[in-house]
């Protein structure tokens, strides 16, 4: 199994995905776009591409020139039939790479809030193990239009397009199912200024830390999801 990760900022690492990979005996290589000399992999050298979050917007190519190259690579990976998983910014980059608009949402959503899975999701084997509704971590202000042929998987009151699936190979998650206590603390340390903003769906750092007990369920459920989603790849 050859898994490659695109990481945009130090604070948003693969989290429990790394732990899952270790339990399976899989290694994860990584392109760190925050490093001056990043290297993109060869498509032939990977089965799975995982795209993490970040504070940048998908269209900020003037500030982050690598975004253009990254979106092209994502589109090529999708066209090549690779398994592609995008989280938060990663889901937005998938949507953008497929020609969809990414734009500011109605409100920022930061903290632990429940998502509601759609009927399509509940009938899909990838998501059949999730409770409905299901509480997990969010940290986003942007949203996106659904790509062509995408199935809507989950929504919240604030953000309708919380997750989508294209076939059995492309999965976009606006929410953070991969979080552990360490990654959340890093996000609070690096982006905690956003928690001072006014917003009905912005929790305080105190509230966020008090809700971290749900992370155990999130860890168990992302392990099951990854087992189903990644191991169903026709390219393996």
Protein backbone atom coordinates (compact mmCIF):
# COMPACT_ATOMS: atom_id res chain seq x y z
CA UNK A 1 0.00 0.00 0.00
CA UNK A 2 1.46 3.35 -1.05
CA UNK A 3 -0.19 6.34 0.66
CA UNK A 4 0.90 9.91 0.03
CA UNK A 5 -0.24 12.96 1.98
CA UNK A 6 -0.37 16.62 0.98
CA UNK A 7 0.11 18.76 4.10
CA UNK A 8 -0.27 22.53 3.88
CA UNK A 9 0.50 23.75 7.42
CA UNK A 10 2.39 22.22 10.32
CA UNK A 11 -0.62 22.28 12.64
CA UNK A 12 -2.90 20.17 10.40
CA UNK A 13 -1.23 16.79 10.17
CA UNK A 14 -2.89 13.47 9.29
CA UNK A 15 -3.55 12.87 13.01
CA UNK A 16 -5.13 9.49 13.65
CA UNK A 17 -4.69 8.53 9.98
CA UNK A 18 -1.02 7.98 10.79
CA UNK A 19 -1.98 5.72 13.69
CA UNK A 20 -4.37 3.79 11.41
CA UNK A 21 -1.64 3.32 8.81
CA UNK A 22 0.80 2.05 11.44
CA UNK A 23 -1.70 -0.53 12.69
CA UNK A 24 -2.02 -1.80 9.11
CA UNK A 25 1.72 -1.80 8.45
CA UNK A 26 1.39 1.00 5.88
CA UNK A 27 3.86 3.84 5.48
CA UNK A 28 2.76 7.37 4.60
CA UNK A 29 5.01 9.64 2.57
CA UNK A 30 4.30 13.34 2.58
CA UNK A 31 4.66 16.52 0.55
CA UNK A 32 4.90 19.46 2.94
CA UNK A 33 3.95 22.57 1.00
CA UNK A 34 5.06 24.76 3.89
CA UNK A 35 8.67 23.72 3.23
CA UNK A 36 10.69 25.73 0.67
CA UNK A 37 11.78 22.68 -1.32
CA UNK A 38 8.74 20.40 -1.48
CA UNK A 39 8.65 17.47 -3.88
CA UNK A 40 5.57 16.09 -5.59
CA UNK A 41 5.42 12.31 -5.99
CA UNK A 42 4.96 10.40 -9.19
CA UNK A 43 1.39 9.22 -9.71
CA UNK A 44 2.78 5.78 -10.46
CA UNK A 45 4.29 5.66 -6.98
CA UNK A 46 1.04 5.97 -5.02
CA UNK A 47 -2.27 4.20 -4.56
CA UNK A 48 -3.87 6.73 -2.24
CA UNK A 49 -3.66 10.53 -2.05
CA UNK A 50 -4.76 12.23 1.19
CA UNK A 51 -5.11 16.03 1.14
CA UNK A 52 -5.12 17.80 4.49
CA UNK A 53 -6.51 21.13 5.71
CA UNK A 54 -5.02 24.61 6.00
CA UNK A 55 -5.87 28.26 6.54
CA UNK A 56 -5.36 29.31 2.92
CA UNK A 57 -8.12 29.58 0.32
CA UNK A 58 -8.05 27.50 -2.85
CA UNK A 59 -7.74 30.57 -5.10
CA UNK A 60 -4.87 32.28 -3.26
CA UNK A 61 -2.33 31.28 -5.90
CA UNK A 62 -0.66 34.70 -5.68
CA UNK A 63 0.24 34.00 -2.05
CA UNK A 64 0.75 30.25 -2.40
CA UNK A 65 1.89 29.54 -5.99
CA UNK A 66 2.00 25.79 -5.31
CA UNK A 67 -1.80 25.71 -5.18
CA UNK A 68 -2.00 25.67 -8.96
CA UNK A 69 0.40 22.74 -9.21
CA UNK A 70 -1.38 20.92 -6.40
CA UNK A 71 -4.84 21.24 -7.97
CA UNK A 72 -3.47 19.95 -11.28
CA UNK A 73 -1.96 16.93 -9.49
CA UNK A 74 -5.25 16.25 -7.68
CA UNK A 75 -7.15 16.27 -10.97
CA UNK A 76 -4.58 13.93 -12.52
CA UNK A 77 -4.85 11.56 -9.55
CA UNK A 78 -8.64 11.48 -9.87
CA UNK A 79 -8.46 10.92 -13.63
CA UNK A 80 -5.98 8.10 -13.04
CA UNK A 81 -8.47 6.33 -10.75
CA UNK A 82 -6.45 6.75 -7.57
CA UNK A 83 -8.12 6.81 -4.19
CA UNK A 84 -8.34 10.47 -3.19
CA UNK A 85 -9.41 11.68 0.26
CA UNK A 86 -9.65 15.40 1.00
CA UNK A 87 -10.20 16.88 4.46
CA UNK A 88 -11.39 20.48 5.01
CA UNK A 89 -9.21 22.51 2.63
CA UNK A 90 -8.48 19.17 0.99
CA UNK A 91 -12.17 18.68 0.13
CA UNK A 92 -12.31 22.24 -1.20
CA UNK A 93 -9.25 21.59 -3.37
CA UNK A 94 -10.89 18.50 -4.84
CA UNK A 95 -13.99 20.53 -5.67
CA UNK A 96 -11.86 23.29 -7.21
CA UNK A 97 -9.75 20.82 -9.19
CA UNK A 98 -12.99 19.45 -10.66
CA UNK A 99 -14.14 22.92 -11.74
CA UNK A 100 -16.47 23.78 -8.86
CA UNK A 101 -16.76 27.09 -7.05
CA UNK A 102 -15.35 27.43 -3.54
CA UNK A 103 -16.60 30.41 -1.56
CA UNK A 104 -17.25 31.85 1.87
CA UNK A 105 -19.97 30.08 3.82
CA UNK A 106 -22.81 31.68 5.74
CA UNK A 107 -20.92 31.41 9.01
CA UNK A 108 -17.71 29.97 10.34
CA UNK A 109 -18.09 26.61 12.02
CA UNK A 110 -15.42 25.95 14.65
CA UNK A 111 -15.78 23.34 17.36
CA UNK A 112 -17.62 20.10 17.97
CA UNK A 113 -20.95 19.96 16.14
CA UNK A 114 -23.08 17.10 14.77
CA UNK A 115 -23.45 16.25 11.09
CA UNK A 116 -26.52 14.62 9.62
CA UNK A 117 -25.84 11.81 7.19
CA UNK A 118 -28.03 11.60 4.09
CA UNK A 119 -30.10 8.56 3.15
CA UNK A 120 -27.58 7.85 0.37
CA UNK A 121 -24.82 7.78 2.95
CA UNK A 122 -26.72 5.46 5.25
CA UNK A 123 -27.18 2.96 2.41
CA UNK A 124 -23.49 3.13 1.46
CA UNK A 125 -21.19 0.55 3.03
CA UNK A 126 -18.50 3.16 3.67
CA UNK A 127 -20.74 5.01 6.16
CA UNK A 128 -23.05 2.31 7.50
CA UNK A 129 -21.18 2.13 10.83
CA UNK A 130 -21.72 5.79 11.76
CA UNK A 131 -24.39 6.92 14.19
CA UNK A 132 -26.75 9.54 12.83
CA UNK A 133 -26.44 12.38 13.77
CA UNK A 134 -22.74 12.20 14.49
CA UNK A 135 -20.59 14.69 16.41
CA UNK A 136 -17.08 15.61 15.29
CA UNK A 137 -14.71 18.55 14.94
CA UNK A 138 -15.01 21.45 12.49
CA UNK A 139 -12.79 24.43 11.67
CA UNK A 140 -13.82 26.13 8.46
CA UNK A 141 -15.36 29.23 6.96
CA UNK A 142 -15.53 28.29 3.28
CA UNK A 143 -17.77 25.87 1.43
CA UNK A 144 -18.11 24.63 -2.16
CA UNK A 145 -20.48 23.48 -4.87
CA UNK A 146 -20.77 19.73 -5.31
CA UNK A 147 -18.77 18.25 -8.19
CA UNK A 148 -20.59 16.56 -11.07
CA UNK A 149 -21.66 13.00 -10.19
CA UNK A 150 -20.93 13.57 -6.50
CA UNK A 151 -23.27 12.14 -3.88
CA UNK A 152 -23.98 14.34 -0.87
CA UNK A 153 -22.97 12.41 2.23
CA UNK A 154 -23.48 14.76 5.19
CA UNK A 155 -24.70 18.23 6.13
CA UNK A 156 -24.99 20.60 9.08
CA UNK A 157 -27.31 23.52 9.71
CA UNK A 158 -24.48 25.90 8.77
CA UNK A 159 -22.94 24.00 5.87
CA UNK A 160 -25.00 21.81 3.53
CA UNK A 161 -22.01 20.29 1.73
CA UNK A 162 -20.14 18.67 4.58
CA UNK A 163 -19.08 15.54 2.71
CA UNK A 164 -19.35 14.06 -0.76
CA UNK A 165 -18.43 10.85 -2.54
CA UNK A 166 -17.70 10.31 -6.23
CA UNK A 167 -17.93 6.65 -7.17
CA UNK A 168 -15.89 4.63 -4.72
CA UNK A 169 -12.62 6.49 -5.23
CA UNK A 170 -13.03 10.18 -4.32
CA UNK A 171 -14.14 11.31 -0.86
CA UNK A 172 -14.30 14.89 0.38
CA UNK A 173 -14.85 15.66 4.08
CA UNK A 174 -15.31 19.27 5.15
CA UNK A 175 -15.16 18.18 8.79
CA UNK A 176 -12.16 16.80 10.69
CA UNK A 177 -12.68 13.14 11.50
CA UNK A 178 -8.91 12.62 11.86
CA UNK A 179 -8.38 14.86 14.88
CA UNK A 180 -6.70 13.83 18.12
CA UNK A 181 -5.94 15.95 21.19
CA UNK A 182 -2.51 16.92 19.93
CA UNK A 183 -3.72 18.19 16.55
CA UNK A 184 -6.55 20.17 18.13
CA UNK A 185 -4.16 21.81 20.58
CA UNK A 186 -1.87 22.77 17.69
CA UNK A 187 -4.78 24.34 15.83
CA UNK A 188 -5.82 26.31 18.91
CA UNK A 189 -2.24 27.49 19.36
CA UNK A 190 -1.83 28.53 15.72
CA UNK A 191 -5.31 29.78 14.79
CA UNK A 192 -6.90 30.49 18.16
CA UNK A 193 -7.52 34.13 17.22
CA UNK A 194 -10.52 32.94 15.24
CA UNK A 195 -12.10 31.69 18.45
CA UNK A 196 -12.38 35.31 19.59
CA UNK A 197 -14.67 36.19 16.69
CA UNK A 198 -18.41 36.46 17.17
CA UNK A 199 -20.41 33.62 15.73
CA UNK A 200 -23.20 31.29 16.74
CA UNK A 201 -21.13 28.30 15.67
CA UNK A 202 -17.74 29.29 17.07
CA UNK A 203 -16.92 27.57 20.33
CA UNK A 204 -14.38 28.81 22.87
CA UNK A 205 -11.14 26.96 23.54
CA UNK A 206 -12.57 25.94 26.92
CA UNK A 207 -15.64 24.38 25.29
CA UNK A 208 -13.55 22.66 22.62
CA UNK A 209 -11.25 21.12 25.22
CA UNK A 210 -14.23 19.94 27.26
CA UNK A 211 -15.72 18.16 24.24
CA UNK A 212 -12.63 16.16 23.32
CA UNK A 213 -14.10 12.99 24.82
CA UNK A 214 -15.81 12.37 21.45
CA UNK A 215 -12.40 11.87 19.84
CA UNK A 216 -12.30 8.22 20.89
CA UNK A 217 -15.41 7.47 18.84
CA UNK A 218 -14.02 9.53 15.95
CA UNK A 219 -10.79 7.50 16.03
CA UNK A 220 -12.59 4.18 15.95
CA UNK A 221 -14.95 5.27 13.18
CA UNK A 222 -12.30 6.77 10.90
CA UNK A 223 -10.34 3.52 11.22
CA UNK A 224 -13.38 1.60 9.95
CA UNK A 225 -14.03 4.16 7.21
CA UNK A 226 -10.43 4.01 5.99
CA UNK A 227 -10.47 0.22 5.99
CA UNK A 228 -13.58 0.24 3.81
CA UNK A 229 -12.76 3.19 1.54
CA UNK A 230 -9.09 2.55 0.86
CA UNK A 231 -9.21 -1.23 0.66
CA UNK A 232 -12.01 -1.10 -1.91
CA UNK A 233 -9.64 0.58 -4.39
CA UNK A 234 -9.52 -1.18 -7.74
CA UNK A 235 -5.93 0.02 -8.14
CA UNK A 236 -4.60 -2.04 -5.22
